[in-house]
Full PDB file with SEQRES, HELIX, SHEET, SSBOND, CRYST1, ORIGX, SCALE, CONECT and MASTER records, all heavy atoms in Angstrom:
SEQRES   1 A   33  LEU HIS ILE THR LEU SER SER ALA GLY ALA LEU ILE SER          
SEQRES   2 A   33  ALA PHE ALA ILE GLY VAL VAL ILE GLY GLY PRO PRO LEU          
SEQRES   3 A   33  ALA ILE LEU THR LEU HIS TRP                                  
HELIX    1 AA1 LEU A    5  LEU A   29  1                                  25    
CRYST1    1.000    1.000    1.000  90.00  90.00  90.00 P 1           1          
ORIGX1      1.000000  0.000000  0.000000        0.00000                         
ORIGX2      0.000000  1.000000  0.000000        0.00000                         
ORIGX3      0.000000  0.000000  1.000000        0.00000                         
SCALE1      1.000000  0.000000  0.000000        0.00000                         
SCALE2      0.000000  1.000000  0.000000        0.00000                         
SCALE3      0.000000  0.000000  1.000000        0.00000                         
ATOM      1  N   LEU A   1       5.866   7.745  -1.916  1.00  0.00           N  
ATOM      2  CA  LEU A   1       5.821   7.322  -3.347  1.00  0.00           C  
ATOM      3  C   LEU A   1       6.696   8.135  -4.310  1.00  0.00           C  
ATOM      4  O   LEU A   1       6.670   7.762  -5.523  1.00  0.00           O  
ATOM      5  CB  LEU A   1       4.266   7.327  -3.835  1.00  0.00           C  
ATOM      6  CG  LEU A   1       3.377   6.397  -3.164  1.00  0.00           C  
ATOM      7  CD1 LEU A   1       1.993   6.537  -3.536  1.00  0.00           C  
ATOM      8  CD2 LEU A   1       3.825   4.962  -3.283  1.00  0.00           C  
ATOM      9  N   HIS A   2       7.250   9.087  -3.799  1.00  0.00           N  
ATOM     10  CA  HIS A   2       8.147  10.011  -4.574  1.00  0.00           C  
ATOM     11  C   HIS A   2       7.444  10.654  -5.735  1.00  0.00           C  
ATOM     12  O   HIS A   2       7.936  10.613  -6.876  1.00  0.00           O  
ATOM     13  CB  HIS A   2       9.426   9.295  -5.023  1.00  0.00           C  
ATOM     14  CG  HIS A   2      10.153   8.748  -3.941  1.00  0.00           C  
ATOM     15  ND1 HIS A   2      10.849   9.370  -2.968  1.00  0.00           N  
ATOM     16  CD2 HIS A   2      10.355   7.468  -3.621  1.00  0.00           C  
ATOM     17  CE1 HIS A   2      11.442   8.550  -2.099  1.00  0.00           C  
ATOM     18  NE2 HIS A   2      11.145   7.268  -2.467  1.00  0.00           N  
ATOM     19  N   ILE A   3       6.195  11.159  -5.577  1.00  0.00           N  
ATOM     20  CA  ILE A   3       5.384  11.748  -6.489  1.00  0.00           C  
ATOM     21  C   ILE A   3       5.029  13.143  -5.964  1.00  0.00           C  
ATOM     22  O   ILE A   3       5.139  13.570  -4.889  1.00  0.00           O  
ATOM     23  CB  ILE A   3       4.163  10.964  -6.946  1.00  0.00           C  
ATOM     24  CG1 ILE A   3       3.213  10.645  -5.597  1.00  0.00           C  
ATOM     25  CG2 ILE A   3       4.586   9.686  -7.677  1.00  0.00           C  
ATOM     26  CD1 ILE A   3       1.961   9.917  -6.049  1.00  0.00           C  
ATOM     27  N   THR A   4       4.416  13.951  -6.863  1.00  0.00           N  
ATOM     28  CA  THR A   4       3.991  15.283  -6.470  1.00  0.00           C  
ATOM     29  C   THR A   4       2.781  15.164  -5.596  1.00  0.00           C  
ATOM     30  O   THR A   4       1.892  14.191  -5.603  1.00  0.00           O  
ATOM     31  CB  THR A   4       3.584  16.282  -7.694  1.00  0.00           C  
ATOM     32  OG1 THR A   4       2.550  15.617  -8.331  1.00  0.00           O  
ATOM     33  CG2 THR A   4       4.906  16.293  -8.505  1.00  0.00           C  
ATOM     34  N   LEU A   5       2.400  16.275  -4.808  1.00  0.00           N  
ATOM     35  CA  LEU A   5       1.327  16.252  -4.002  1.00  0.00           C  
ATOM     36  C   LEU A   5       0.118  16.252  -4.741  1.00  0.00           C  
ATOM     37  O   LEU A   5      -0.983  15.479  -4.382  1.00  0.00           O  
ATOM     38  CB  LEU A   5       1.292  17.507  -3.148  1.00  0.00           C  
ATOM     39  CG  LEU A   5       0.378  17.654  -1.929  1.00  0.00           C  
ATOM     40  CD1 LEU A   5       0.493  16.364  -0.935  1.00  0.00           C  
ATOM     41  CD2 LEU A   5       0.470  18.893  -1.213  1.00  0.00           C  
ATOM     42  N   SER A   6      -0.017  16.864  -5.937  1.00  0.00           N  
ATOM     43  CA  SER A   6      -1.285  16.848  -6.829  1.00  0.00           C  
ATOM     44  C   SER A   6      -1.505  15.435  -7.403  1.00  0.00           C  
ATOM     45  O   SER A   6      -2.664  14.990  -7.490  1.00  0.00           O  
ATOM     46  CB  SER A   6      -1.140  17.901  -7.825  1.00  0.00           C  
ATOM     47  OG  SER A   6      -0.134  17.667  -8.699  1.00  0.00           O  
ATOM     48  N   SER A   7      -0.487  14.787  -7.654  1.00  0.00           N  
ATOM     49  CA  SER A   7      -0.563  13.385  -8.254  1.00  0.00           C  
ATOM     50  C   SER A   7      -1.185  12.471  -7.076  1.00  0.00           C  
ATOM     51  O   SER A   7      -1.911  11.548  -7.418  1.00  0.00           O  
ATOM     52  CB  SER A   7       0.849  12.874  -8.743  1.00  0.00           C  
ATOM     53  OG  SER A   7       1.176  13.687  -9.871  1.00  0.00           O  
ATOM     54  N   ALA A   8      -0.656  12.682  -5.900  1.00  0.00           N  
ATOM     55  CA  ALA A   8      -1.224  11.807  -4.904  1.00  0.00           C  
ATOM     56  C   ALA A   8      -2.504  12.123  -4.529  1.00  0.00           C  
ATOM     57  O   ALA A   8      -3.382  11.355  -4.038  1.00  0.00           O  
ATOM     58  CB  ALA A   8      -0.285  12.059  -3.572  1.00  0.00           C  
ATOM     59  N   GLY A   9      -2.910  13.387  -4.787  1.00  0.00           N  
ATOM     60  CA  GLY A   9      -4.417  13.840  -4.561  1.00  0.00           C  
ATOM     61  C   GLY A   9      -5.267  13.055  -5.474  1.00  0.00           C  
ATOM     62  O   GLY A   9      -6.498  13.006  -5.259  1.00  0.00           O  
ATOM     63  N   ALA A  10      -4.850  12.611  -6.614  1.00  0.00           N  
ATOM     64  CA  ALA A  10      -5.611  11.831  -7.460  1.00  0.00           C  
ATOM     65  C   ALA A  10      -6.132  10.654  -6.839  1.00  0.00           C  
ATOM     66  O   ALA A  10      -7.110   9.952  -7.192  1.00  0.00           O  
ATOM     67  CB  ALA A  10      -4.942  11.537  -8.815  1.00  0.00           C  
ATOM     68  N   LEU A  11      -5.355  10.112  -5.791  1.00  0.00           N  
ATOM     69  CA  LEU A  11      -5.864   8.813  -5.061  1.00  0.00           C  
ATOM     70  C   LEU A  11      -7.289   9.003  -4.325  1.00  0.00           C  
ATOM     71  O   LEU A  11      -8.067   8.170  -4.339  1.00  0.00           O  
ATOM     72  CB  LEU A  11      -4.880   8.533  -3.989  1.00  0.00           C  
ATOM     73  CG  LEU A  11      -3.443   8.119  -4.439  1.00  0.00           C  
ATOM     74  CD1 LEU A  11      -2.551   8.050  -3.271  1.00  0.00           C  
ATOM     75  CD2 LEU A  11      -3.671   6.821  -5.176  1.00  0.00           C  
ATOM     76  N   ILE A  12      -7.519  10.294  -3.899  1.00  0.00           N  
ATOM     77  CA  ILE A  12      -8.805  10.731  -3.348  1.00  0.00           C  
ATOM     78  C   ILE A  12      -9.896  10.583  -4.424  1.00  0.00           C  
ATOM     79  O   ILE A  12     -11.006   9.970  -4.233  1.00  0.00           O  
ATOM     80  CB  ILE A  12      -8.781  11.921  -2.685  1.00  0.00           C  
ATOM     81  CG1 ILE A  12      -7.773  12.006  -1.530  1.00  0.00           C  
ATOM     82  CG2 ILE A  12     -10.084  12.357  -2.122  1.00  0.00           C  
ATOM     83  CD1 ILE A  12      -7.643  13.257  -0.747  1.00  0.00           C  
ATOM     84  N   SER A  13      -9.483  11.079  -5.499  1.00  0.00           N  
ATOM     85  CA  SER A  13     -10.600  11.036  -6.769  1.00  0.00           C  
ATOM     86  C   SER A  13     -10.734   9.586  -7.230  1.00  0.00           C  
ATOM     87  O   SER A  13     -11.877   9.152  -7.449  1.00  0.00           O  
ATOM     88  CB  SER A  13      -9.991  11.835  -7.976  1.00  0.00           C  
ATOM     89  OG  SER A  13     -10.006  13.108  -7.511  1.00  0.00           O  
ATOM     90  N   ALA A  14      -9.684   8.832  -7.148  1.00  0.00           N  
ATOM     91  CA  ALA A  14      -9.794   7.377  -7.614  1.00  0.00           C  
ATOM     92  C   ALA A  14     -10.658   6.590  -6.592  1.00  0.00           C  
ATOM     93  O   ALA A  14     -11.587   5.784  -6.949  1.00  0.00           O  
ATOM     94  CB  ALA A  14      -8.554   6.669  -7.691  1.00  0.00           C  
ATOM     95  N   PHE A  15     -10.428   6.901  -5.245  1.00  0.00           N  
ATOM     96  CA  PHE A  15     -11.249   6.214  -4.249  1.00  0.00           C  
ATOM     97  C   PHE A  15     -12.811   6.564  -4.436  1.00  0.00           C  
ATOM     98  O   PHE A  15     -13.636   5.775  -4.444  1.00  0.00           O  
ATOM     99  CB  PHE A  15     -10.813   6.676  -2.934  1.00  0.00           C  
ATOM    100  CG  PHE A  15     -11.636   6.135  -1.803  1.00  0.00           C  
ATOM    101  CD1 PHE A  15     -11.501   4.800  -1.381  1.00  0.00           C  
ATOM    102  CD2 PHE A  15     -12.518   6.909  -1.048  1.00  0.00           C  
ATOM    103  CE1 PHE A  15     -12.257   4.236  -0.312  1.00  0.00           C  
ATOM    104  CE2 PHE A  15     -13.176   6.406   0.012  1.00  0.00           C  
ATOM    105  CZ  PHE A  15     -13.203   5.217   0.311  1.00  0.00           C  
ATOM    106  N   ALA A  16     -13.116   7.907  -4.718  1.00  0.00           N  
ATOM    107  CA  ALA A  16     -14.395   8.375  -4.852  1.00  0.00           C  
ATOM    108  C   ALA A  16     -15.109   7.760  -6.012  1.00  0.00           C  
ATOM    109  O   ALA A  16     -16.209   7.259  -6.029  1.00  0.00           O  
ATOM    110  CB  ALA A  16     -14.500   9.895  -4.996  1.00  0.00           C  
ATOM    111  N   ILE A  17     -14.275   7.658  -7.121  1.00  0.00           N  
ATOM    112  CA  ILE A  17     -14.797   6.988  -8.336  1.00  0.00           C  
ATOM    113  C   ILE A  17     -15.229   5.565  -8.056  1.00  0.00           C  
ATOM    114  O   ILE A  17     -16.255   4.982  -8.541  1.00  0.00           O  
ATOM    115  CB  ILE A  17     -13.903   7.220  -9.503  1.00  0.00           C  
ATOM    116  CG1 ILE A  17     -13.801   8.679  -9.954  1.00  0.00           C  
ATOM    117  CG2 ILE A  17     -14.223   6.307 -10.789  1.00  0.00           C  
ATOM    118  CD1 ILE A  17     -12.731   9.050 -11.007  1.00  0.00           C  
ATOM    119  N   GLY A  18     -14.229   4.767  -7.346  1.00  0.00           N  
ATOM    120  CA  GLY A  18     -14.440   3.529  -7.054  1.00  0.00           C  
ATOM    121  C   GLY A  18     -15.851   3.288  -6.161  1.00  0.00           C  
ATOM    122  O   GLY A  18     -16.549   2.312  -6.383  1.00  0.00           O  
ATOM    123  N   VAL A  19     -16.045   4.235  -5.332  1.00  0.00           N  
ATOM    124  CA  VAL A  19     -17.177   4.246  -4.491  1.00  0.00           C  
ATOM    125  C   VAL A  19     -18.511   4.431  -5.388  1.00  0.00           C  
ATOM    126  O   VAL A  19     -19.536   3.736  -5.118  1.00  0.00           O  
ATOM    127  CB  VAL A  19     -17.191   5.169  -3.318  1.00  0.00           C  
ATOM    128  CG1 VAL A  19     -18.535   5.335  -2.603  1.00  0.00           C  
ATOM    129  CG2 VAL A  19     -16.127   4.843  -2.272  1.00  0.00           C  
ATOM    130  N   VAL A  20     -18.307   5.358  -6.322  1.00  0.00           N  
ATOM    131  CA  VAL A  20     -19.504   5.650  -7.073  1.00  0.00           C  
ATOM    132  C   VAL A  20     -19.829   4.646  -8.018  1.00  0.00           C  
ATOM    133  O   VAL A  20     -21.058   4.086  -8.254  1.00  0.00           O  
ATOM    134  CB  VAL A  20     -19.254   6.895  -7.880  1.00  0.00           C  
ATOM    135  CG1 VAL A  20     -20.293   7.096  -9.169  1.00  0.00           C  
ATOM    136  CG2 VAL A  20     -19.336   8.194  -7.074  1.00  0.00           C  
ATOM    137  N   ILE A  21     -18.724   3.842  -8.639  1.00  0.00           N  
ATOM    138  CA  ILE A  21     -19.021   2.716  -9.610  1.00  0.00           C  
ATOM    139  C   ILE A  21     -19.313   1.499  -8.947  1.00  0.00           C  
ATOM    140  O   ILE A  21     -20.265   0.724  -9.285  1.00  0.00           O  
ATOM    141  CB  ILE A  21     -17.698   2.619 -10.356  1.00  0.00           C  
ATOM    142  CG1 ILE A  21     -17.630   3.822 -11.311  1.00  0.00           C  
ATOM    143  CG2 ILE A  21     -17.780   1.360 -11.256  1.00  0.00           C  
ATOM    144  CD1 ILE A  21     -16.362   3.879 -12.151  1.00  0.00           C  
ATOM    145  N   GLY A  22     -18.699   1.259  -7.853  1.00  0.00           N  
ATOM    146  CA  GLY A  22     -18.904   0.033  -6.945  1.00  0.00           C  
ATOM    147  C   GLY A  22     -20.102  -0.026  -6.192  1.00  0.00           C  
ATOM    148  O   GLY A  22     -20.649  -1.071  -5.729  1.00  0.00           O  
ATOM    149  N   GLY A  23     -20.643   1.178  -5.714  1.00  0.00           N  
ATOM    150  CA  GLY A  23     -21.705   1.217  -4.704  1.00  0.00           C  
ATOM    151  C   GLY A  23     -23.044   0.657  -5.302  1.00  0.00           C  
ATOM    152  O   GLY A  23     -23.690  -0.215  -4.570  1.00  0.00           O  
ATOM    153  N   PRO A  24     -23.594   1.224  -6.363  1.00  0.00           N  
ATOM    154  CA  PRO A  24     -24.774   0.635  -6.881  1.00  0.00           C  
ATOM    155  C   PRO A  24     -24.876  -0.800  -7.216  1.00  0.00           C  
ATOM    156  O   PRO A  24     -25.842  -1.504  -6.794  1.00  0.00           O  
ATOM    157  CB  PRO A  24     -25.018   1.582  -8.182  1.00  0.00           C  
ATOM    158  CG  PRO A  24     -24.321   2.666  -7.876  1.00  0.00           C  
ATOM    159  CD  PRO A  24     -23.102   2.265  -7.143  1.00  0.00           C  
ATOM    160  N   PRO A  25     -23.851  -1.477  -7.819  1.00  0.00           N  
ATOM    161  CA  PRO A  25     -23.852  -2.957  -8.074  1.00  0.00           C  
ATOM    162  C   PRO A  25     -23.922  -3.766  -6.661  1.00  0.00           C  
ATOM    163  O   PRO A  25     -24.647  -4.668  -6.707  1.00  0.00           O  
ATOM    164  CB  PRO A  25     -22.693  -3.267  -8.843  1.00  0.00           C  
ATOM    165  CG  PRO A  25     -22.278  -2.006  -9.462  1.00  0.00           C  
ATOM    166  CD  PRO A  25     -22.662  -0.888  -8.613  1.00  0.00           C  
ATOM    167  N   LEU A  26     -23.103  -3.126  -5.770  1.00  0.00           N  
ATOM    168  CA  LEU A  26     -23.089  -3.846  -4.560  1.00  0.00           C  
ATOM    169  C   LEU A  26     -24.584  -3.652  -3.781  1.00  0.00           C  
ATOM    170  O   LEU A  26     -24.951  -4.710  -3.207  1.00  0.00           O  
ATOM    171  CB  LEU A  26     -22.127  -3.179  -3.577  1.00  0.00           C  
ATOM    172  CG  LEU A  26     -21.813  -4.025  -2.366  1.00  0.00           C  
ATOM    173  CD1 LEU A  26     -21.341  -5.361  -2.497  1.00  0.00           C  
ATOM    174  CD2 LEU A  26     -20.749  -3.342  -1.424  1.00  0.00           C  
ATOM    175  N   ALA A  27     -25.140  -2.603  -3.912  1.00  0.00           N  
ATOM    176  CA  ALA A  27     -26.530  -2.446  -3.303  1.00  0.00           C  
ATOM    177  C   ALA A  27     -27.510  -3.355  -4.017  1.00  0.00           C  
ATOM    178  O   ALA A  27     -28.296  -3.891  -3.437  1.00  0.00           O  
ATOM    179  CB  ALA A  27     -26.921  -1.018  -3.454  1.00  0.00           C  
ATOM    180  N   ILE A  28     -27.521  -3.510  -5.370  1.00  0.00           N  
ATOM    181  CA  ILE A  28     -28.334  -4.350  -6.036  1.00  0.00           C  
ATOM    182  C   ILE A  28     -28.012  -5.824  -5.713  1.00  0.00           C  
ATOM    183  O   ILE A  28     -28.988  -6.658  -5.616  1.00  0.00           O  
ATOM    184  CB  ILE A  28     -28.211  -4.106  -7.605  1.00  0.00           C  
ATOM    185  CG1 ILE A  28     -28.732  -2.687  -7.955  1.00  0.00           C  
ATOM    186  CG2 ILE A  28     -28.885  -5.226  -8.303  1.00  0.00           C  
ATOM    187  CD1 ILE A  28     -28.574  -2.425  -9.403  1.00  0.00           C  
ATOM    188  N   LEU A  29     -26.686  -6.240  -5.678  1.00  0.00           N  
ATOM    189  CA  LEU A  29     -26.483  -7.534  -5.308  1.00  0.00           C  
ATOM    190  C   LEU A  29     -26.916  -7.888  -3.910  1.00  0.00           C  
ATOM    191  O   LEU A  29     -27.312  -9.119  -3.628  1.00  0.00           O  
ATOM    192  CB  LEU A  29     -24.857  -7.689  -5.282  1.00  0.00           C  
ATOM    193  CG  LEU A  29     -24.247  -9.080  -4.862  1.00  0.00           C  
ATOM    194  CD1 LEU A  29     -24.498  -9.971  -6.031  1.00  0.00           C  
ATOM    195  CD2 LEU A  29     -22.757  -8.998  -4.691  1.00  0.00           C  
ATOM    196  N   THR A  30     -26.934  -7.064  -2.941  1.00  0.00           N  
ATOM    197  CA  THR A  30     -27.353  -7.332  -1.580  1.00  0.00           C  
ATOM    198  C   THR A  30     -28.750  -6.920  -1.224  1.00  0.00           C  
ATOM    199  O   THR A  30     -29.264  -7.114  -0.151  1.00  0.00           O  
ATOM    200  CB  THR A  30     -26.486  -6.592  -0.510  1.00  0.00           C  
ATOM    201  OG1 THR A  30     -26.510  -5.222  -0.795  1.00  0.00           O  
ATOM    202  CG2 THR A  30     -24.988  -7.045  -0.725  1.00  0.00           C  
ATOM    203  N   LEU A  31     -29.561  -6.591  -2.399  1.00  0.00           N  
ATOM    204  CA  LEU A  31     -30.923  -6.122  -2.159  1.00  0.00           C  
ATOM    205  C   LEU A  31     -31.804  -7.152  -1.445  1.00  0.00           C  
ATOM    206  O   LEU A  31     -32.662  -6.901  -0.689  1.00  0.00           O  
ATOM    207  CB  LEU A  31     -31.527  -5.740  -3.580  1.00  0.00           C  
ATOM    208  CG  LEU A  31     -32.916  -5.241  -3.578  1.00  0.00           C  
ATOM    209  CD1 LEU A  31     -32.955  -3.814  -2.855  1.00  0.00           C  
ATOM    210  CD2 LEU A  31     -33.353  -5.170  -5.038  1.00  0.00           C  
ATOM    211  N   HIS A  32     -31.686  -8.464  -1.683  1.00  0.00           N  
ATOM    212  CA  HIS A  32     -32.577  -9.425  -1.140  1.00  0.00           C  
ATOM    213  C   HIS A  32     -32.002 -10.141   0.054  1.00  0.00           C  
ATOM    214  O   HIS A  32     -32.682 -11.121   0.469  1.00  0.00           O  
ATOM    215  CB  HIS A  32     -33.054 -10.313  -2.142  1.00  0.00           C  
ATOM    216  CG  HIS A  32     -33.721  -9.752  -3.320  1.00  0.00           C  
ATOM    217  ND1 HIS A  32     -35.009  -9.350  -3.228  1.00  0.00           N  
ATOM    218  CD2 HIS A  32     -33.430  -9.456  -4.681  1.00  0.00           C  
ATOM    219  CE1 HIS A  32     -35.476  -8.893  -4.304  1.00  0.00           C  
ATOM    220  NE2 HIS A  32     -34.397  -8.917  -5.263  1.00  0.00           N  
ATOM    221  N   TRP A  33     -31.063  -9.615   0.658  1.00  0.00           N  
ATOM    222  CA  TRP A  33     -30.392 -10.222   1.721  1.00  0.00           C  
ATOM    223  C   TRP A  33     -31.116  -9.839   2.938  1.00  0.00           C  
ATOM    224  O   TRP A  33     -31.806  -8.739   3.058  1.00  0.00           O  
ATOM    225  CB  TRP A  33     -28.911  -9.807   1.989  1.00  0.00           C  
ATOM    226  CG  TRP A  33     -27.890 -10.362   1.032  1.00  0.00           C  
ATOM    227  CD1 TRP A  33     -28.217 -11.152  -0.086  1.00  0.00           C  
ATOM    228  CD2 TRP A  33     -26.475 -10.249   1.076  1.00  0.00           C  
ATOM    229  NE1 TRP A  33     -27.023 -11.487  -0.620  1.00  0.00           N  
ATOM    230  CE2 TRP A  33     -25.989 -10.860   0.017  1.00  0.00           C  
ATOM    231  CE3 TRP A  33     -25.633  -9.534   1.994  1.00  0.00           C  
ATOM    232  CZ2 TRP A  33     -24.647 -10.967  -0.146  1.00  0.00           C  
ATOM    233  CZ3 TRP A  33     -24.321  -9.611   1.783  1.00  0.00           C  
ATOM    234  CH2 TRP A  33     -23.790 -10.303   0.683  1.00  0.00           C  
TER     235      TRP A  33                                                      
MASTER        0    0    0    1    0    0    0    6  234    1    0    3          
END                                                                             
């Protein structure tokens, strides 16, 4: 991507934030399955 290693490391943080934000709504959505 022609970026610094620390900037690319933000991808891991973005992934973790996505899991934290997306996990609970998905759990609630599938609660009665």
